Amino acid sequence: MRNFILVLILAFGFFFVSYVFVGDVSTRTVRFLRHAGWEPNGILASEKIILPDFTDAANMAYNDLQKSCGYDLAPYAGKTVSRITCRVFNRPDDPQIVYAHVFWYKGRIIGGDIMTPGLTGFMYGLQKRSPSMQM
């Protein structure tokens, strides 16, 4: 019986990992965001960008946000990465437009953010959405 349960757990784990992380980068981005509790509505943009150095105050602050979520973009400075942008809809009654940016390098998520573009908006790192994240 224990072997059956172990096989069942391993099979479910394989299915879950396969479901979240198999597919093209766009599909994987949507799955990743959904798994984290966000509600993306498809891909708005997929572009290649060169990450800057993280030596000035603004870029250092952005990388500190990444580090608070377990990512660090500094090793990728000067490298070409993919940035996938989605619009997310977790509060349909809220008029703010909310975007998710997910950075990919060689098939791995290396960082990103959830943000609103306005001056009075917000920016969160890529982490699971919690009730304290008010939009």
C-alpha atoms as a PDB file:
ATOM      1  CA  MET A   1       0.000   0.000   0.000  1.00  0.00           C
ATOM      2  CA  ARG A   2       2.849   2.406   0.835  1.00  0.00           C
ATOM      3  CA  ASN A   3       4.437   1.783  -2.557  1.00  0.00           C
ATOM      4  CA  PHE A   4       1.141   2.584  -4.269  1.00  0.00           C
ATOM      5  CA  ILE A   5       0.806   5.860  -2.336  1.00  0.00           C
ATOM      6  CA  LEU A   6       4.418   6.778  -3.097  1.00  0.00           C
ATOM      7  CA  VAL A   7       3.901   6.083  -6.813  1.00  0.00           C
ATOM      8  CA  LEU A   8       0.700   8.131  -6.745  1.00  0.00           C
ATOM      9  CA  ILE A   9       2.473  11.072  -5.052  1.00  0.00           C
ATOM     10  CA  LEU A  10       5.384  10.907  -7.506  1.00  0.00           C
ATOM     11  CA  ALA A  11       3.026  10.712 -10.484  1.00  0.00           C
ATOM     12  CA  PHE A  12       1.025  13.713  -9.244  1.00  0.00           C
ATOM     13  CA  GLY A  13       4.234  15.667  -8.617  1.00  0.00           C
ATOM     14  CA  PHE A  14       5.497  14.893 -12.120  1.00  0.00           C
ATOM     15  CA  PHE A  15       2.154  15.925 -13.633  1.00  0.00           C
ATOM     16  CA  PHE A  16       2.120  19.172 -11.639  1.00  0.00           C
ATOM     17  CA  VAL A  17       5.689  20.107 -12.578  1.00  0.00           C
ATOM     18  CA  SER A  18       5.010  19.170 -16.188  1.00  0.00           C
ATOM     19  CA  TYR A  19       1.811  21.212 -16.237  1.00  0.00           C
ATOM     20  CA  VAL A  20       3.455  24.333 -14.841  1.00  0.00           C
ATOM     21  CA  PHE A  21       6.803  24.194 -16.600  1.00  0.00           C
ATOM     22  CA  VAL A  22       6.368  22.484 -19.982  1.00  0.00           C
ATOM     23  CA  GLY A  23       5.491  24.433 -23.115  1.00  0.00           C
ATOM     24  CA  ASP A  24       6.684  27.575 -24.817  1.00  0.00           C
ATOM     25  CA  VAL A  25       7.733  30.571 -22.726  1.00  0.00           C
ATOM     26  CA  SER A  26       4.412  32.377 -23.219  1.00  0.00           C
ATOM     27  CA  THR A  27       2.359  29.388 -22.080  1.00  0.00           C
ATOM     28  CA  ARG A  28       4.724  28.761 -19.178  1.00  0.00           C
ATOM     29  CA  THR A  29       4.466  32.423 -18.107  1.00  0.00           C
ATOM     30  CA  VAL A  30       0.670  32.271 -17.942  1.00  0.00           C
ATOM     31  CA  ARG A  31       0.814  28.999 -15.991  1.00  0.00           C
ATOM     32  CA  PHE A  32       3.416  30.426 -13.590  1.00  0.00           C
ATOM     33  CA  LEU A  33       1.313  33.537 -12.904  1.00  0.00           C
ATOM     34  CA  ARG A  34      -1.850  31.477 -12.373  1.00  0.00           C
ATOM     35  CA  HIS A  35       0.004  29.167 -10.003  1.00  0.00           C
ATOM     36  CA  ALA A  36       1.120  32.258  -8.028  1.00  0.00           C
ATOM     37  CA  GLY A  37      -2.488  33.408  -7.685  1.00  0.00           C
ATOM     38  CA  TRP A  38      -2.635  36.019 -10.447  1.00  0.00           C
ATOM     39  CA  GLU A  39      -5.191  35.992 -13.263  1.00  0.00           C
ATOM     40  CA  PRO A  40      -3.403  36.817 -16.522  1.00  0.00           C
ATOM     41  CA  ASN A  41      -5.374  37.386 -19.691  1.00  0.00           C
ATOM     42  CA  GLY A  42      -2.940  36.158 -22.307  1.00  0.00           C
ATOM     43  CA  ILE A  43       0.314  37.695 -23.488  1.00  0.00           C
ATOM     44  CA  LEU A  44       0.466  41.382 -24.435  1.00  0.00           C
ATOM     45  CA  ALA A  45       4.118  41.429 -25.465  1.00  0.00           C
ATOM     46  CA  SER A  46       7.097  39.128 -25.783  1.00  0.00           C
ATOM     47  CA  GLU A  47      10.351  40.933 -26.382  1.00  0.00           C
ATOM     48  CA  LYS A  48      14.086  40.538 -26.077  1.00  0.00           C
ATOM     49  CA  ILE A  49      15.786  43.142 -23.881  1.00  0.00           C
ATOM     50  CA  ILE A  50      19.301  43.669 -22.594  1.00  0.00           C
ATOM     51  CA  LEU A  51      19.342  43.965 -18.823  1.00  0.00           C
ATOM     52  CA  PRO A  52      21.223  47.028 -17.561  1.00  0.00           C
ATOM     53  CA  ASP A  53      23.935  47.202 -14.932  1.00  0.00           C
ATOM     54  CA  PHE A  54      22.495  47.382 -11.457  1.00  0.00           C
ATOM     55  CA  THR A  55      24.817  50.092 -10.191  1.00  0.00           C
ATOM     56  CA  ASP A  56      22.590  53.193 -10.189  1.00  0.00           C
ATOM     57  CA  ALA A  57      20.052  53.854  -7.423  1.00  0.00           C
ATOM     58  CA  ALA A  58      16.903  53.065  -9.451  1.00  0.00           C
ATOM     59  CA  ASN A  59      18.232  49.780 -10.838  1.00  0.00           C
ATOM     60  CA  MET A  60      19.641  48.781  -7.447  1.00  0.00           C
ATOM     61  CA  ALA A  61      16.218  49.393  -5.862  1.00  0.00           C
ATOM     62  CA  TYR A  62      14.564  47.274  -8.551  1.00  0.00           C
ATOM     63  CA  ASN A  63      17.047  44.467  -7.976  1.00  0.00           C
ATOM     64  CA  ASP A  64      16.459  44.724  -4.208  1.00  0.00           C
ATOM     65  CA  LEU A  65      12.783  44.076  -4.978  1.00  0.00           C
ATOM     66  CA  GLN A  66      13.855  41.019  -6.980  1.00  0.00           C
ATOM     67  CA  LYS A  67      16.080  39.799  -4.155  1.00  0.00           C
ATOM     68  CA  SER A  68      13.208  40.088  -1.678  1.00  0.00           C
ATOM     69  CA  CYS A  69      11.423  37.443  -3.774  1.00  0.00           C
ATOM     70  CA  GLY A  70      14.397  35.131  -4.201  1.00  0.00           C
ATOM     71  CA  TYR A  71      15.633  36.435  -7.557  1.00  0.00           C
ATOM     72  CA  ASP A  72      18.766  38.419  -8.425  1.00  0.00           C
ATOM     73  CA  LEU A  73      19.115  40.083 -11.816  1.00  0.00           C
ATOM     74  CA  ALA A  74      22.687  41.337 -11.273  1.00  0.00           C
ATOM     75  CA  PRO A  75      24.336  38.193 -12.726  1.00  0.00           C
ATOM     76  CA  TYR A  76      22.344  38.794 -15.935  1.00  0.00           C
ATOM     77  CA  ALA A  77      23.432  42.428 -16.437  1.00  0.00           C
ATOM     78  CA  GLY A  78      24.362  42.969 -20.084  1.00  0.00           C
ATOM     79  CA  LYS A  79      22.689  39.721 -21.157  1.00  0.00           C
ATOM     80  CA  THR A  80      19.755  39.479 -23.571  1.00  0.00           C
ATOM     81  CA  VAL A  81      16.685  38.076 -21.818  1.00  0.00           C
ATOM     82  CA  SER A  82      13.046  37.580 -22.758  1.00  0.00           C
ATOM     83  CA  ARG A  83      10.472  39.829 -21.091  1.00  0.00           C
ATOM     84  CA  ILE A  84       6.907  38.547 -21.255  1.00  0.00           C
ATOM     85  CA  THR A  85       4.186  41.063 -20.404  1.00  0.00           C
ATOM     86  CA  CYS A  86       0.631  40.102 -19.420  1.00  0.00           C
ATOM     87  CA  ARG A  87      -2.287  42.097 -18.136  1.00  0.00           C
ATOM     88  CA  VAL A  88      -3.647  40.609 -14.927  1.00  0.00           C
ATOM     89  CA  PHE A  89      -7.229  40.806 -13.688  1.00  0.00           C
ATOM     90  CA  ASN A  90      -7.558  40.000 -10.015  1.00  0.00           C
ATOM     91  CA  ARG A  91      -9.868  42.880  -9.162  1.00  0.00           C
ATOM     92  CA  PRO A  92     -12.291  43.393 -12.061  1.00  0.00           C
ATOM     93  CA  ASP A  93     -14.069  46.160 -10.121  1.00  0.00           C
ATOM     94  CA  ASP A  94     -10.787  48.107  -9.766  1.00  0.00           C
ATOM     95  CA  PRO A  95     -10.105  50.577 -12.613  1.00  0.00           C
ATOM     96  CA  GLN A  96      -6.299  50.305 -12.372  1.00  0.00           C
ATOM     97  CA  ILE A  97      -4.530  48.490 -15.176  1.00  0.00           C
ATOM     98  CA  VAL A  98      -2.183  45.887 -13.731  1.00  0.00           C
ATOM     99  CA  TYR A  99       0.669  44.275 -15.657  1.00  0.00           C
ATOM    100  CA  ALA A 100       2.920  41.312 -14.968  1.00  0.00           C
ATOM    101  CA  HIS A 101       6.435  41.251 -16.394  1.00  0.00           C
ATOM    102  CA  VAL A 102       8.306  37.950 -16.286  1.00  0.00           C
ATOM    103  CA  PHE A 103      11.989  37.744 -17.256  1.00  0.00           C
ATOM    104  CA  TRP A 104      13.317  34.512 -18.774  1.00  0.00           C
ATOM    105  CA  TYR A 105      16.886  33.456 -19.470  1.00  0.00           C
ATOM    106  CA  LYS A 106      17.732  30.072 -21.026  1.00  0.00           C
ATOM    107  CA  GLY A 107      14.381  28.558 -20.073  1.00  0.00           C
ATOM    108  CA  ARG A 108      14.358  29.795 -16.467  1.00  0.00           C
ATOM    109  CA  ILE A 109      12.414  32.564 -14.770  1.00  0.00           C
ATOM    110  CA  ILE A 110      14.988  34.973 -13.383  1.00  0.00           C
ATOM    111  CA  GLY A 111      12.685  37.706 -12.053  1.00  0.00           C
ATOM    112  CA  GLY A 112       9.831  40.031 -12.803  1.00  0.00           C
ATOM    113  CA  ASP A 113       7.169  42.212 -11.276  1.00  0.00           C
ATOM    114  CA  ILE A 114       3.490  42.969 -10.910  1.00  0.00           C
ATOM    115  CA  MET A 115       2.797  46.681 -11.375  1.00  0.00           C
ATOM    116  CA  THR A 116       0.531  49.520 -12.399  1.00  0.00           C
ATOM    117  CA  PRO A 117       1.920  52.111 -14.800  1.00  0.00           C
ATOM    118  CA  GLY A 118       0.567  55.231 -13.030  1.00  0.00           C
ATOM    119  CA  LEU A 119       2.512  57.568 -10.757  1.00  0.00           C
ATOM    120  CA  THR A 120       0.313  56.547  -7.822  1.00  0.00           C
ATOM    121  CA  GLY A 121       0.544  52.868  -8.721  1.00  0.00           C
ATOM    122  CA  PHE A 122       2.382  49.998  -7.112  1.00  0.00           C
ATOM    123  CA  MET A 123       5.050  47.430  -7.915  1.00  0.00           C
ATOM    124  CA  TYR A 124       5.441  44.007  -6.321  1.00  0.00           C
ATOM    125  CA  GLY A 125       8.022  41.352  -6.963  1.00  0.00           C
ATOM    126  CA  LEU A 126       7.017  37.970  -8.371  1.00  0.00           C
ATOM    127  CA  GLN A 127       5.717  36.116  -5.387  1.00  0.00           C
ATOM    128  CA  LYS A 128       2.483  34.469  -4.481  1.00  0.00           C
ATOM    129  CA  ARG A 129      -0.324  36.986  -4.213  1.00  0.00           C
ATOM    130  CA  SER A 130      -1.435  37.581  -0.653  1.00  0.00           C
ATOM    131  CA  PRO A 131      -4.489  39.375   0.743  1.00  0.00           C
ATOM    132  CA  SER A 132      -2.216  42.214   1.944  1.00  0.00           C
ATOM    133  CA  MET A 133      -1.365  43.069  -1.673  1.00  0.00           C
ATOM    134  CA  GLN A 134      -4.101  45.600  -2.217  1.00  0.00           C
ATOM    135  CA  MET A 135      -4.683  46.726  -5.786  1.00  0.00           C
END
